[in-house]
Every structure is written in structure tokens, then in C-alpha cells.
């Protein structure tokens, strides 16, 4: 500036004090790499922990080799979903004139992924309860029902991250947070249809 004072960095969105440190990590400076790496570590560790728990679940529920392979692939799937989620949400935010914060979205959404560990633990407990008392046991049913609030928790944390990054109303943030779910559902339908055609 003309006064010689450094100009404050504008991050493109207003951020609440509690979420400001996360988005500062995603600014265009050397901290970006470390901030994004830290967020990636959270996501990767969540995926690895879920994978280990999933391996235990596969032994309990008798899913065999297919369950084991699925569990081993969990870390890669979690990382892929993390990236896809940020890309879809940022693309959707473009319709509101708020695109261009994909890196910040990656960083801000990472703290939601440890909820997958909780989900995996509940699934492990459900498999153990079904093995000892049958799939219709009260404990197994209760643990199955408890997975639903955990999924809602993950969605709520994602909505909060979207609001913090793009500074939009909750309803808009909720709609953007649902975009990855819609994409995954569409992919499942397409793959299922393609598989049916090949089998036919």
C-alpha cells in the first residue's frame, strides 16, 4: 500500500472465529501445503482406522474375501470421496457466484471424516451382536439404528463447513452438501444398470 503497511489477505468469504484457523491454512501462501496436508492426514487416518475396523467386521459377519477386499480399499475410497465432495460442492457454489474455494472446502470438511470411525465401530458392534445373539437381537437392531444419527452427524458437519467456506444460508449449504450423495447414488444406478445389461 502507499503507507508501506502490508495489505490484509482476503480469503473470499467471511469466516466465524472458530473456523478461521482452518481456512487460514487454505490461503494462497506457504501454509496452504501444510494445511491441506494436515487435512489430508485427518481424512487418510480416518479411512485407515475404518479399514482396520472393517477387517474385524468382515471376520465376524462372515463376508469373507469380498469383505476383506472392501475394507482394504476404504482409505482410497475415503480420499476419493473427500476430493469429489469438494469438487462437486465448489461447482455447485458456482451457481451462487461463490465458486473458487475448493481448497478451503477440502480443509474445512476434513474434521467431519472421523465420524466414519464411529460408524465403523457401530458396524463392528452390530456384527458382534448378530454373531452372538442373531441379527434380530435387540442389541444388533439398536446398533443398526444408531448408525443413522452418525450419518446425520457427518452431513451436519459438512453443512457447517459449506456455510463457513461459502458464507451462504443453511438451506443452500444443505443442498450443496447433498450433491456428493446424489452423484454416488447416480453412479450406483448406472453401474447396476450396466451390470444388468451384461448379465442379460
N, C-alpha and C. Protein backbone atom coordinates (compact mmCIF):
# COMPACT_ATOMS: atom_id res chain seq x y z
N UNK A 1 0.83 -1.19 0.00
CA UNK A 1 0.00 0.00 0.00
C UNK A 1 0.87 1.25 0.00
N UNK A 2 0.24 2.43 -0.17
CA UNK A 2 1.00 3.67 -0.22
C UNK A 2 1.64 3.98 1.12
N UNK A 3 1.08 3.51 2.22
CA UNK A 3 1.64 3.79 3.54
C UNK A 3 2.77 2.83 3.89
N UNK A 4 2.99 1.81 3.04
CA UNK A 4 4.05 0.86 3.34
C UNK A 4 3.61 -0.27 4.23
N UNK A 5 2.37 -0.25 4.66
CA UNK A 5 1.88 -1.33 5.52
C UNK A 5 1.42 -2.50 4.67
N UNK A 6 1.65 -3.73 5.14
CA UNK A 6 1.20 -4.89 4.37
C UNK A 6 -0.32 -4.94 4.31
N UNK A 7 -0.84 -5.33 3.18
CA UNK A 7 -2.28 -5.42 2.98
C UNK A 7 -2.80 -6.74 3.53
N UNK A 8 -3.92 -6.68 4.21
CA UNK A 8 -4.51 -7.90 4.78
C UNK A 8 -4.98 -8.82 3.67
N UNK A 9 -4.79 -10.12 3.86
CA UNK A 9 -5.22 -11.10 2.88
C UNK A 9 -6.71 -11.27 2.96
N UNK A 10 -7.40 -11.27 1.78
CA UNK A 10 -8.83 -11.51 1.71
C UNK A 10 -9.04 -12.94 1.26
N UNK A 11 -9.80 -13.68 2.02
CA UNK A 11 -9.99 -15.09 1.73
C UNK A 11 -11.24 -15.35 0.90
N UNK A 12 -11.96 -14.34 0.51
CA UNK A 12 -13.09 -14.52 -0.37
C UNK A 12 -14.36 -14.90 0.36
N UNK A 13 -14.35 -14.97 1.67
CA UNK A 13 -15.57 -15.31 2.40
C UNK A 13 -15.42 -14.86 3.83
N UNK A 14 -16.52 -14.58 4.48
CA UNK A 14 -16.49 -14.23 5.89
C UNK A 14 -16.50 -15.52 6.70
N UNK A 15 -15.66 -15.56 7.73
CA UNK A 15 -15.47 -16.79 8.47
C UNK A 15 -15.67 -16.54 9.94
N UNK A 16 -16.37 -17.43 10.60
CA UNK A 16 -16.54 -17.32 12.04
C UNK A 16 -15.20 -17.57 12.73
N UNK A 17 -15.01 -16.99 13.93
CA UNK A 17 -13.72 -17.14 14.61
C UNK A 17 -13.31 -18.60 14.82
N UNK A 18 -14.26 -19.49 15.10
CA UNK A 18 -13.91 -20.87 15.37
C UNK A 18 -13.40 -21.60 14.13
N UNK A 19 -13.84 -21.19 12.95
CA UNK A 19 -13.43 -21.85 11.72
C UNK A 19 -12.34 -21.10 10.98
N UNK A 20 -12.00 -19.88 11.43
CA UNK A 20 -10.98 -19.09 10.74
C UNK A 20 -9.64 -19.79 10.65
N UNK A 21 -9.12 -20.44 11.71
CA UNK A 21 -7.81 -21.09 11.58
C UNK A 21 -7.78 -22.13 10.47
N UNK A 22 -8.85 -22.92 10.30
CA UNK A 22 -8.87 -23.92 9.24
C UNK A 22 -8.76 -23.29 7.87
N UNK A 23 -9.50 -22.20 7.65
CA UNK A 23 -9.49 -21.58 6.33
C UNK A 23 -8.23 -20.75 6.10
N UNK A 24 -7.60 -20.27 7.16
CA UNK A 24 -6.32 -19.59 7.00
C UNK A 24 -5.27 -20.56 6.47
N UNK A 25 -5.36 -21.85 6.87
CA UNK A 25 -4.43 -22.85 6.35
C UNK A 25 -4.58 -22.99 4.84
N UNK A 26 -5.78 -22.69 4.32
CA UNK A 26 -6.03 -22.88 2.89
C UNK A 26 -5.77 -21.62 2.08
N UNK A 27 -5.14 -20.60 2.65
CA UNK A 27 -4.86 -19.37 1.92
C UNK A 27 -3.73 -19.59 0.93
N UNK A 28 -3.54 -18.62 0.04
CA UNK A 28 -2.54 -18.73 -1.02
C UNK A 28 -1.15 -18.35 -0.51
N UNK A 29 -0.61 -19.08 0.41
CA UNK A 29 0.72 -18.82 0.92
C UNK A 29 1.35 -20.16 1.28
N UNK A 30 2.60 -20.20 1.80
CA UNK A 30 3.23 -21.47 2.11
C UNK A 30 2.46 -22.34 3.10
N UNK A 31 1.57 -21.73 3.90
CA UNK A 31 0.79 -22.53 4.84
C UNK A 31 -0.22 -23.42 4.13
N UNK A 32 -0.51 -23.14 2.86
CA UNK A 32 -1.52 -23.91 2.14
C UNK A 32 -1.16 -25.38 2.10
N UNK A 33 0.09 -25.67 1.74
CA UNK A 33 0.50 -27.06 1.61
C UNK A 33 0.39 -27.78 2.94
N UNK A 34 0.86 -27.13 4.01
CA UNK A 34 0.80 -27.77 5.32
C UNK A 34 -0.63 -27.92 5.78
N UNK A 35 -1.47 -26.92 5.51
CA UNK A 35 -2.86 -27.02 5.93
C UNK A 35 -3.59 -28.11 5.19
N UNK A 36 -3.38 -28.18 3.88
CA UNK A 36 -4.03 -29.21 3.08
C UNK A 36 -3.49 -30.58 3.42
N UNK A 37 -2.20 -30.65 3.71
CA UNK A 37 -1.60 -31.93 4.10
C UNK A 37 -2.16 -32.39 5.44
N UNK A 38 -2.34 -31.46 6.37
CA UNK A 38 -2.92 -31.83 7.66
C UNK A 38 -4.35 -32.32 7.52
N UNK A 39 -5.12 -31.65 6.65
CA UNK A 39 -6.48 -32.08 6.41
C UNK A 39 -6.50 -33.46 5.75
N UNK A 40 -5.59 -33.65 4.79
CA UNK A 40 -5.50 -34.96 4.15
C UNK A 40 -5.12 -36.06 5.12
N UNK A 41 -4.26 -35.72 6.09
CA UNK A 41 -3.87 -36.71 7.09
C UNK A 41 -5.06 -37.12 7.94
N UNK A 42 -5.92 -36.15 8.29
CA UNK A 42 -7.13 -36.47 9.06
C UNK A 42 -8.01 -37.44 8.29
N UNK A 43 -8.21 -37.14 7.02
CA UNK A 43 -9.07 -37.99 6.19
C UNK A 43 -8.46 -39.38 6.01
N UNK A 44 -7.15 -39.42 5.72
CA UNK A 44 -6.49 -40.70 5.49
C UNK A 44 -6.48 -41.55 6.76
N UNK A 45 -6.17 -40.95 7.90
CA UNK A 45 -6.18 -41.71 9.15
C UNK A 45 -7.57 -42.22 9.48
N UNK A 46 -8.59 -41.40 9.19
CA UNK A 46 -9.96 -41.85 9.41
C UNK A 46 -10.28 -43.06 8.53
N UNK A 47 -9.82 -43.00 7.27
CA UNK A 47 -10.04 -44.13 6.37
C UNK A 47 -9.29 -45.37 6.80
N UNK A 48 -8.04 -45.20 7.25
CA UNK A 48 -7.25 -46.35 7.69
C UNK A 48 -7.84 -47.00 8.94
N UNK A 49 -8.27 -46.17 9.89
CA UNK A 49 -8.90 -46.71 11.10
C UNK A 49 -10.19 -47.44 10.75
N UNK A 50 -10.97 -46.87 9.84
CA UNK A 50 -12.20 -47.53 9.41
C UNK A 50 -11.90 -48.85 8.70
N UNK A 51 -10.79 -48.87 7.95
CA UNK A 51 -10.41 -50.10 7.25
C UNK A 51 -10.05 -51.21 8.23
N UNK A 52 -9.27 -50.86 9.25
CA UNK A 52 -8.88 -51.86 10.26
C UNK A 52 -10.12 -52.41 10.97
N UNK A 53 -11.03 -51.51 11.33
CA UNK A 53 -12.26 -51.94 11.99
C UNK A 53 -13.10 -52.79 11.04
N UNK A 54 -13.11 -52.39 9.76
CA UNK A 54 -13.87 -53.15 8.77
C UNK A 54 -13.33 -54.56 8.57
N UNK A 55 -12.01 -54.72 8.67
CA UNK A 55 -11.43 -56.06 8.56
C UNK A 55 -11.94 -56.95 9.70
N UNK A 56 -11.99 -56.38 10.91
CA UNK A 56 -12.55 -57.14 12.03
C UNK A 56 -14.01 -57.48 11.80
N UNK A 57 -14.75 -56.53 11.23
CA UNK A 57 -16.16 -56.78 10.94
C UNK A 57 -16.34 -57.90 9.93
N UNK A 58 -15.47 -57.94 8.91
CA UNK A 58 -15.59 -58.97 7.87
C UNK A 58 -15.37 -60.37 8.44
N UNK A 59 -14.55 -60.49 9.47
CA UNK A 59 -14.35 -61.80 10.10
C UNK A 59 -15.56 -62.20 10.94
N UNK A 60 -16.23 -61.20 11.52
CA UNK A 60 -17.37 -61.50 12.36
C UNK A 60 -18.64 -61.81 11.57
N UNK A 61 -18.85 -61.09 10.47
CA UNK A 61 -20.10 -61.29 9.72
C UNK A 61 -19.98 -62.34 8.63
N UNK A 62 -18.78 -62.92 8.48
CA UNK A 62 -18.61 -64.00 7.52
C UNK A 62 -18.62 -63.55 6.07
N UNK A 63 -18.32 -62.30 5.80
CA UNK A 63 -18.32 -61.82 4.42
C UNK A 63 -17.13 -62.33 3.63
N UNK A 64 -16.12 -62.86 4.33
CA UNK A 64 -15.00 -63.50 3.66
C UNK A 64 -14.11 -62.56 2.89
N UNK A 65 -13.62 -63.05 1.73
CA UNK A 65 -12.64 -62.31 0.94
C UNK A 65 -13.22 -61.00 0.41
N UNK A 66 -14.49 -61.01 0.02
CA UNK A 66 -15.09 -59.78 -0.52
C UNK A 66 -15.12 -58.67 0.52
N UNK A 67 -15.48 -59.03 1.76
CA UNK A 67 -15.48 -58.04 2.83
C UNK A 67 -14.09 -57.55 3.16
N UNK A 68 -13.12 -58.45 3.08
CA UNK A 68 -11.73 -58.07 3.36
C UNK A 68 -11.21 -57.10 2.31
N UNK A 69 -11.48 -57.40 1.04
CA UNK A 69 -11.03 -56.51 -0.04
C UNK A 69 -11.70 -55.15 0.07
N UNK A 70 -12.99 -55.14 0.36
CA UNK A 70 -13.72 -53.88 0.51
C UNK A 70 -13.13 -53.04 1.63
N UNK A 71 -12.77 -53.68 2.73
CA UNK A 71 -12.21 -52.96 3.87
C UNK A 71 -10.84 -52.37 3.53
N UNK A 72 -10.03 -53.14 2.80
CA UNK A 72 -8.69 -52.66 2.44
C UNK A 72 -8.78 -51.44 1.52
N UNK A 73 -9.83 -51.37 0.70
CA UNK A 73 -9.98 -50.26 -0.23
C UNK A 73 -10.58 -49.00 0.41
N UNK A 74 -11.03 -49.11 1.65
CA UNK A 74 -11.70 -47.98 2.30
C UNK A 74 -10.85 -46.71 2.32
N UNK A 75 -9.56 -46.74 2.68
CA UNK A 75 -8.79 -45.48 2.69
C UNK A 75 -8.79 -44.77 1.34
N UNK A 76 -8.63 -45.52 0.25
CA UNK A 76 -8.65 -44.91 -1.07
C UNK A 76 -10.03 -44.35 -1.41
N UNK A 77 -11.07 -45.08 -1.03
CA UNK A 77 -12.43 -44.61 -1.30
C UNK A 77 -12.75 -43.35 -0.51
N UNK A 78 -12.26 -43.28 0.72
CA UNK A 78 -12.49 -42.10 1.56
C UNK A 78 -11.79 -40.88 0.96
N UNK A 79 -10.54 -41.06 0.54
CA UNK A 79 -9.82 -39.95 -0.08
C UNK A 79 -10.49 -39.50 -1.38
N UNK A 80 -10.96 -40.48 -2.16
CA UNK A 80 -11.64 -40.14 -3.41
C UNK A 80 -12.93 -39.38 -3.13
N UNK A 81 -13.66 -39.82 -2.12
CA UNK A 81 -14.92 -39.13 -1.79
C UNK A 81 -14.63 -37.72 -1.29
N UNK A 82 -13.59 -37.55 -0.50
CA UNK A 82 -13.21 -36.23 0.01
C UNK A 82 -12.96 -35.26 -1.14
N UNK A 83 -12.17 -35.71 -2.13
CA UNK A 83 -11.90 -34.85 -3.26
C UNK A 83 -13.13 -34.59 -4.12
N UNK A 84 -13.92 -35.65 -4.36
CA UNK A 84 -15.13 -35.50 -5.16
C UNK A 84 -16.12 -34.56 -4.49
N UNK A 85 -16.24 -34.70 -3.17
CA UNK A 85 -17.16 -33.85 -2.43
C UNK A 85 -16.79 -32.37 -2.58
N UNK A 86 -15.52 -32.04 -2.41
CA UNK A 86 -15.09 -30.65 -2.53
C UNK A 86 -15.30 -30.13 -3.94
N UNK A 87 -15.03 -30.97 -4.94
CA UNK A 87 -15.18 -30.54 -6.33
C UNK A 87 -16.65 -30.27 -6.67
N UNK A 88 -17.53 -31.19 -6.26
CA UNK A 88 -18.95 -31.03 -6.57
C UNK A 88 -19.55 -29.83 -5.83
N UNK A 89 -19.19 -29.67 -4.56
CA UNK A 89 -19.74 -28.56 -3.79
C UNK A 89 -19.26 -27.23 -4.35
N UNK A 90 -17.98 -27.15 -4.72
CA UNK A 90 -17.47 -25.91 -5.27
C UNK A 90 -18.11 -25.62 -6.62
N UNK A 91 -18.35 -26.67 -7.41
CA UNK A 91 -19.03 -26.47 -8.70
C UNK A 91 -20.46 -26.00 -8.48
N UNK A 92 -21.13 -26.59 -7.49
CA UNK A 92 -22.49 -26.15 -7.18
C UNK A 92 -22.53 -24.73 -6.66
N UNK A 93 -21.50 -24.36 -5.89
CA UNK A 93 -21.44 -23.00 -5.37
C UNK A 93 -21.27 -21.98 -6.49
N UNK A 94 -20.75 -22.43 -7.64
CA UNK A 94 -20.61 -21.53 -8.77
C UNK A 94 -21.94 -20.99 -9.24
N UNK A 95 -23.02 -21.77 -9.05
CA UNK A 95 -24.34 -21.27 -9.44
C UNK A 95 -24.80 -20.15 -8.53
N UNK A 96 -24.17 -20.04 -7.36
CA UNK A 96 -24.48 -18.95 -6.43
C UNK A 96 -23.45 -17.84 -6.50
N UNK A 97 -22.52 -17.97 -7.45
CA UNK A 97 -21.47 -16.97 -7.58
C UNK A 97 -20.42 -17.06 -6.49
N UNK A 98 -20.25 -18.25 -5.90
CA UNK A 98 -19.29 -18.40 -4.79
C UNK A 98 -18.22 -19.44 -5.07
N UNK A 99 -17.99 -19.80 -6.31
CA UNK A 99 -17.00 -20.83 -6.63
C UNK A 99 -15.59 -20.30 -6.41
N UNK A 100 -14.62 -21.21 -6.47
CA UNK A 100 -13.21 -20.83 -6.34
C UNK A 100 -12.63 -21.06 -4.97
N UNK A 101 -13.37 -21.77 -4.09
CA UNK A 101 -12.87 -22.05 -2.73
C UNK A 101 -12.72 -23.55 -2.48
N UNK A 102 -12.37 -24.28 -3.54
CA UNK A 102 -12.27 -25.74 -3.39
C UNK A 102 -11.22 -26.15 -2.37
N UNK A 103 -10.08 -25.47 -2.39
CA UNK A 103 -9.02 -25.81 -1.44
C UNK A 103 -9.47 -25.57 0.00
N UNK A 104 -10.16 -24.45 0.21
CA UNK A 104 -10.68 -24.15 1.54
C UNK A 104 -11.73 -25.17 1.95
N UNK A 105 -12.53 -25.64 0.98
CA UNK A 105 -13.54 -26.65 1.29
C UNK A 105 -12.90 -27.96 1.69
N UNK A 106 -11.82 -28.32 1.03
CA UNK A 106 -11.09 -29.54 1.40
C UNK A 106 -10.63 -29.48 2.85
N UNK A 107 -10.06 -28.34 3.21
CA UNK A 107 -9.54 -28.19 4.58
C UNK A 107 -10.67 -28.16 5.60
N UNK A 108 -11.72 -27.40 5.30
CA UNK A 108 -12.79 -27.23 6.28
C UNK A 108 -13.63 -28.49 6.47
N UNK A 109 -13.71 -29.34 5.44
CA UNK A 109 -14.55 -30.53 5.54
C UNK A 109 -13.84 -31.72 6.18
N UNK A 110 -12.52 -31.66 6.28
CA UNK A 110 -11.76 -32.80 6.81
C UNK A 110 -12.18 -33.23 8.22
N UNK A 111 -12.45 -32.29 9.15
CA UNK A 111 -12.83 -32.72 10.51
C UNK A 111 -14.11 -33.53 10.59
N UNK A 112 -14.89 -33.58 9.50
CA UNK A 112 -16.11 -34.38 9.53
C UNK A 112 -15.82 -35.87 9.36
N UNK A 113 -14.68 -36.23 8.81
CA UNK A 113 -14.44 -37.61 8.43
C UNK A 113 -14.16 -38.57 9.59
N UNK A 114 -13.68 -38.12 10.75
CA UNK A 114 -13.58 -39.07 11.88
C UNK A 114 -14.90 -39.69 12.28
N UNK A 115 -16.03 -39.12 11.87
CA UNK A 115 -17.31 -39.75 12.17
C UNK A 115 -17.42 -41.12 11.49
N UNK A 116 -16.66 -41.33 10.42
CA UNK A 116 -16.67 -42.63 9.76
C UNK A 116 -16.11 -43.71 10.68
N UNK A 117 -15.20 -43.32 11.57
CA UNK A 117 -14.67 -44.28 12.54
C UNK A 117 -15.77 -44.72 13.49
N UNK A 118 -16.57 -43.76 13.95
CA UNK A 118 -17.69 -44.08 14.83
C UNK A 118 -18.66 -45.01 14.12
N UNK A 119 -18.93 -44.71 12.85
CA UNK A 119 -19.83 -45.56 12.07
C UNK A 119 -19.27 -46.98 11.96
N UNK A 120 -17.98 -47.09 11.72
CA UNK A 120 -17.35 -48.41 11.59
C UNK A 120 -17.40 -49.18 12.91
N UNK A 121 -17.20 -48.47 14.01
CA UNK A 121 -17.28 -49.14 15.33
C UNK A 121 -18.68 -49.66 15.60
N UNK A 122 -19.69 -48.89 15.23
CA UNK A 122 -21.06 -49.35 15.41
C UNK A 122 -21.34 -50.57 14.53
N UNK A 123 -20.80 -50.55 13.32
CA UNK A 123 -20.97 -51.70 12.43
C UNK A 123 -20.28 -52.93 12.99
N UNK A 124 -19.11 -52.73 13.58
CA UNK A 124 -18.39 -53.84 14.22
C UNK A 124 -19.20 -54.40 15.38
N UNK A 125 -19.74 -53.50 16.21
CA UNK A 125 -20.57 -53.95 17.33
C UNK A 125 -21.81 -54.67 16.85
N UNK A 126 -22.40 -54.19 15.77
CA UNK A 126 -23.59 -54.84 15.21
C UNK A 126 -23.26 -56.26 14.75
N UNK A 127 -22.10 -56.41 14.07
CA UNK A 127 -21.69 -57.74 13.60
C UNK A 127 -21.44 -58.69 14.77
N UNK A 128 -20.82 -58.16 15.84
CA UNK A 128 -20.57 -58.99 17.01
C UNK A 128 -21.87 -59.39 17.69
N UNK A 129 -22.81 -58.44 17.80
CA UNK A 129 -24.11 -58.74 18.42
C UNK A 129 -24.90 -59.74 17.59
N UNK A 130 -24.83 -59.61 16.26
CA UNK A 130 -25.54 -60.55 15.39
C UNK A 130 -24.93 -61.94 15.45
N UNK A 131 -23.62 -62.00 15.65
CA UNK A 131 -22.94 -63.30 15.71
C UNK A 131 -23.30 -64.06 16.98
N UNK A 132 -23.47 -63.31 18.07
CA UNK A 132 -23.76 -63.97 19.36
C UNK A 132 -25.26 -64.14 19.63
N UNK A 133 -26.06 -63.15 19.22
CA UNK A 133 -27.48 -63.21 19.54
C UNK A 133 -28.40 -63.24 18.35
N UNK A 134 -27.82 -63.28 17.13
CA UNK A 134 -28.66 -63.28 15.95
C UNK A 134 -28.89 -61.88 15.43
N UNK A 135 -29.17 -61.76 14.12
CA UNK A 135 -29.35 -60.45 13.50
C UNK A 135 -30.57 -59.71 14.03
N UNK A 136 -31.50 -60.46 14.63
CA UNK A 136 -32.71 -59.84 15.17
C UNK A 136 -32.64 -59.51 16.64
N UNK A 137 -31.45 -59.64 17.23
CA UNK A 137 -31.32 -59.35 18.66
C UNK A 137 -31.51 -57.86 18.91
N UNK A 138 -32.03 -57.49 20.09
CA UNK A 138 -32.25 -56.06 20.39
C UNK A 138 -30.98 -55.23 20.28
N UNK A 139 -29.85 -55.79 20.71
CA UNK A 139 -28.60 -55.03 20.65
C UNK A 139 -28.19 -54.76 19.21
N UNK A 140 -28.30 -55.79 18.36
CA UNK A 140 -27.94 -55.61 16.95
C UNK A 140 -28.82 -54.57 16.28
N UNK A 141 -30.11 -54.61 16.57
CA UNK A 141 -31.04 -53.65 15.98
C UNK A 141 -30.74 -52.24 16.48
N UNK A 142 -30.44 -52.12 17.78
CA UNK A 142 -30.14 -50.80 18.35
C UNK A 142 -28.90 -50.20 17.71
N UNK A 143 -27.86 -51.01 17.54
CA UNK A 143 -26.62 -50.51 16.94
C UNK A 143 -26.84 -50.13 15.48
N UNK A 144 -27.69 -50.87 14.78
CA UNK A 144 -28.01 -50.52 13.40
C UNK A 144 -28.70 -49.16 13.33
N UNK A 145 -29.65 -48.95 14.23
CA UNK A 145 -30.38 -47.68 14.25
C UNK A 145 -29.45 -46.53 14.60
N UNK A 146 -28.48 -46.78 15.47
CA UNK A 146 -27.57 -45.71 15.88
C UNK A 146 -26.66 -45.24 14.76
N UNK A 147 -26.50 -46.05 13.72
CA UNK A 147 -25.66 -45.60 12.60
C UNK A 147 -26.30 -44.43 11.85
N UNK A 148 -27.62 -44.33 11.91
CA UNK A 148 -28.31 -43.25 11.19
C UNK A 148 -27.97 -41.87 11.76
N UNK A 149 -28.00 -41.66 13.09
CA UNK A 149 -27.58 -40.36 13.61
C UNK A 149 -26.12 -40.03 13.29
N UNK A 150 -25.27 -41.05 13.19
CA UNK A 150 -23.87 -40.80 12.86
C UNK A 150 -23.75 -40.27 11.43
N UNK A 151 -24.52 -40.86 10.51
CA UNK A 151 -24.54 -40.34 9.14
C UNK A 151 -25.07 -38.91 9.11
N UNK A 152 -26.09 -38.65 9.93
CA UNK A 152 -26.61 -37.29 10.03
C UNK A 152 -25.58 -36.34 10.61
N UNK A 153 -24.78 -36.82 11.54
CA UNK A 153 -23.71 -36.02 12.14
C UNK A 153 -22.69 -35.63 11.07
N UNK A 154 -22.30 -36.59 10.24
CA UNK A 154 -21.35 -36.30 9.17
C UNK A 154 -21.92 -35.25 8.22
N UNK A 155 -23.20 -35.39 7.88
CA UNK A 155 -23.83 -34.43 6.98
C UNK A 155 -23.90 -33.04 7.62
N UNK A 156 -24.23 -33.00 8.92
CA UNK A 156 -24.33 -31.71 9.61
C UNK A 156 -22.97 -31.00 9.65
N UNK A 157 -21.90 -31.75 9.89
CA UNK A 157 -20.56 -31.15 9.91
C UNK A 157 -20.17 -30.66 8.52
N UNK A 158 -20.60 -31.38 7.49
CA UNK A 158 -20.32 -30.94 6.13
C UNK A 158 -21.08 -29.66 5.80
N UNK A 159 -22.33 -29.59 6.22
CA UNK A 159 -23.12 -28.37 6.01
C UNK A 159 -22.46 -27.19 6.72
N UNK A 160 -21.99 -27.43 7.92
CA UNK A 160 -21.32 -26.36 8.66
C UNK A 160 -20.07 -25.88 7.93
N UNK A 161 -19.32 -26.82 7.34
CA UNK A 161 -18.12 -26.44 6.59
C UNK A 161 -18.50 -25.64 5.34
N UNK A 162 -19.56 -26.06 4.66
CA UNK A 162 -20.00 -25.33 3.47
C UNK A 162 -20.41 -23.91 3.82
N UNK A 163 -21.14 -23.75 4.91
CA UNK A 163 -21.54 -22.41 5.35
C UNK A 163 -20.33 -21.55 5.66
N UNK A 164 -19.33 -22.14 6.33
CA UNK A 164 -18.16 -21.37 6.72
C UNK A 164 -17.34 -20.93 5.51
N UNK A 165 -17.23 -21.81 4.53
CA UNK A 165 -16.39 -21.50 3.36
C UNK A 165 -17.08 -20.53 2.41
N UNK A 166 -18.36 -20.77 2.13
CA UNK A 166 -19.04 -20.01 1.09
C UNK A 166 -19.97 -18.92 1.62
N UNK A 167 -20.16 -18.87 2.94
CA UNK A 167 -20.97 -17.82 3.56
C UNK A 167 -22.36 -17.76 2.91
N UNK A 168 -23.07 -18.88 2.95
CA UNK A 168 -24.40 -18.97 2.36
C UNK A 168 -25.38 -19.46 3.41
N UNK A 169 -26.68 -19.28 3.20
CA UNK A 169 -27.67 -19.75 4.17
C UNK A 169 -27.62 -21.27 4.35
N UNK A 170 -28.16 -21.72 5.48
CA UNK A 170 -28.11 -23.14 5.81
C UNK A 170 -28.82 -23.99 4.76
N UNK A 171 -29.95 -23.51 4.24
CA UNK A 171 -30.68 -24.29 3.25
C UNK A 171 -29.84 -24.50 1.98
N UNK A 172 -29.15 -23.48 1.54
CA UNK A 172 -28.29 -23.61 0.37
C UNK A 172 -27.10 -24.52 0.67
N UNK A 173 -26.55 -24.38 1.87
CA UNK A 173 -25.42 -25.24 2.25
C UNK A 173 -25.85 -26.69 2.32
N UNK A 174 -27.05 -26.94 2.81
CA UNK A 174 -27.57 -28.30 2.89
C UNK A 174 -27.74 -28.89 1.49
N UNK A 175 -28.26 -28.09 0.58
CA UNK A 175 -28.44 -28.57 -0.80
C UNK A 175 -27.10 -28.90 -1.45
N UNK A 176 -26.09 -28.05 -1.23
CA UNK A 176 -24.77 -28.32 -1.79
C UNK A 176 -24.14 -29.56 -1.16
N UNK A 177 -24.35 -29.75 0.14
CA UNK A 177 -23.78 -30.90 0.82
C UNK A 177 -24.38 -32.21 0.34
N UNK A 178 -25.58 -32.16 -0.23
CA UNK A 178 -26.23 -33.37 -0.73
C UNK A 178 -25.75 -33.75 -2.13
N UNK A 179 -25.04 -32.86 -2.82
CA UNK A 179 -24.59 -33.16 -4.18
C UNK A 179 -23.74 -34.42 -4.27
N UNK A 180 -22.77 -34.65 -3.35
CA UNK A 180 -21.99 -35.89 -3.44
C UNK A 180 -22.85 -37.14 -3.27
N UNK A 181 -23.84 -37.09 -2.38
CA UNK A 181 -24.73 -38.23 -2.20
C UNK A 181 -25.49 -38.52 -3.49
N UNK A 182 -25.97 -37.47 -4.14
CA UNK A 182 -26.69 -37.65 -5.39
C UNK A 182 -25.78 -38.25 -6.47
N UNK A 183 -24.53 -37.79 -6.52
CA UNK A 183 -23.59 -38.31 -7.52
C UNK A 183 -23.29 -39.78 -7.27
N UNK A 184 -23.09 -40.15 -6.01
CA UNK A 184 -22.81 -41.56 -5.68
C UNK A 184 -24.02 -42.43 -6.01
N UNK A 185 -25.22 -41.95 -5.66
CA UNK A 185 -26.44 -42.71 -5.96
C UNK A 185 -26.60 -42.90 -7.47
N UNK A 186 -26.32 -41.85 -8.24
CA UNK A 186 -26.42 -41.95 -9.69
C UNK A 186 -25.41 -42.95 -10.24
N UNK A 187 -24.20 -42.93 -9.70
CA UNK A 187 -23.17 -43.87 -10.15
C UNK A 187 -23.58 -45.31 -9.86
N UNK A 188 -24.17 -45.54 -8.69
CA UNK A 188 -24.62 -46.89 -8.33
C UNK A 188 -25.71 -47.36 -9.28
N UNK A 189 -26.65 -46.46 -9.59
CA UNK A 189 -27.73 -46.82 -10.52
C UNK A 189 -27.18 -47.15 -11.90
N UNK A 190 -26.23 -46.33 -12.39
CA UNK A 190 -25.66 -46.56 -13.72
C UNK A 190 -24.88 -47.87 -13.75
N UNK A 191 -24.05 -48.09 -12.72
CA UNK A 191 -23.28 -49.33 -12.68
C UNK A 191 -24.18 -50.54 -12.54
N UNK A 192 -25.23 -50.41 -11.73
CA UNK A 192 -26.17 -51.52 -11.58
C UNK A 192 -26.89 -51.83 -12.88
N UNK A 193 -27.29 -50.76 -13.60
CA UNK A 193 -27.94 -50.98 -14.88
C UNK A 193 -27.02 -51.59 -15.90
N UNK A 194 -25.77 -51.12 -15.92
CA UNK A 194 -24.79 -51.68 -16.86
C UNK A 194 -24.51 -53.14 -16.54
N UNK A 195 -24.41 -53.45 -15.25
CA UNK A 195 -24.20 -54.84 -14.85
C UNK A 195 -25.35 -55.74 -15.26
N UNK A 196 -26.57 -55.21 -15.12
CA UNK A 196 -27.74 -55.99 -15.53
C UNK A 196 -27.75 -56.25 -17.02
N UNK A 197 -27.31 -55.28 -17.82
CA UNK A 197 -27.27 -55.47 -19.27
C UNK A 197 -26.25 -56.53 -19.65
N UNK A 198 -25.10 -56.52 -18.99
CA UNK A 198 -24.07 -57.51 -19.31
C UNK A 198 -24.52 -58.92 -18.89
N UNK A 199 -25.19 -59.00 -17.75
CA UNK A 199 -25.67 -60.32 -17.30
C UNK A 199 -26.78 -60.82 -18.21
N UNK A 200 -27.60 -59.86 -18.73
CA UNK A 200 -28.67 -60.26 -19.62
C UNK A 200 -28.15 -60.70 -20.97
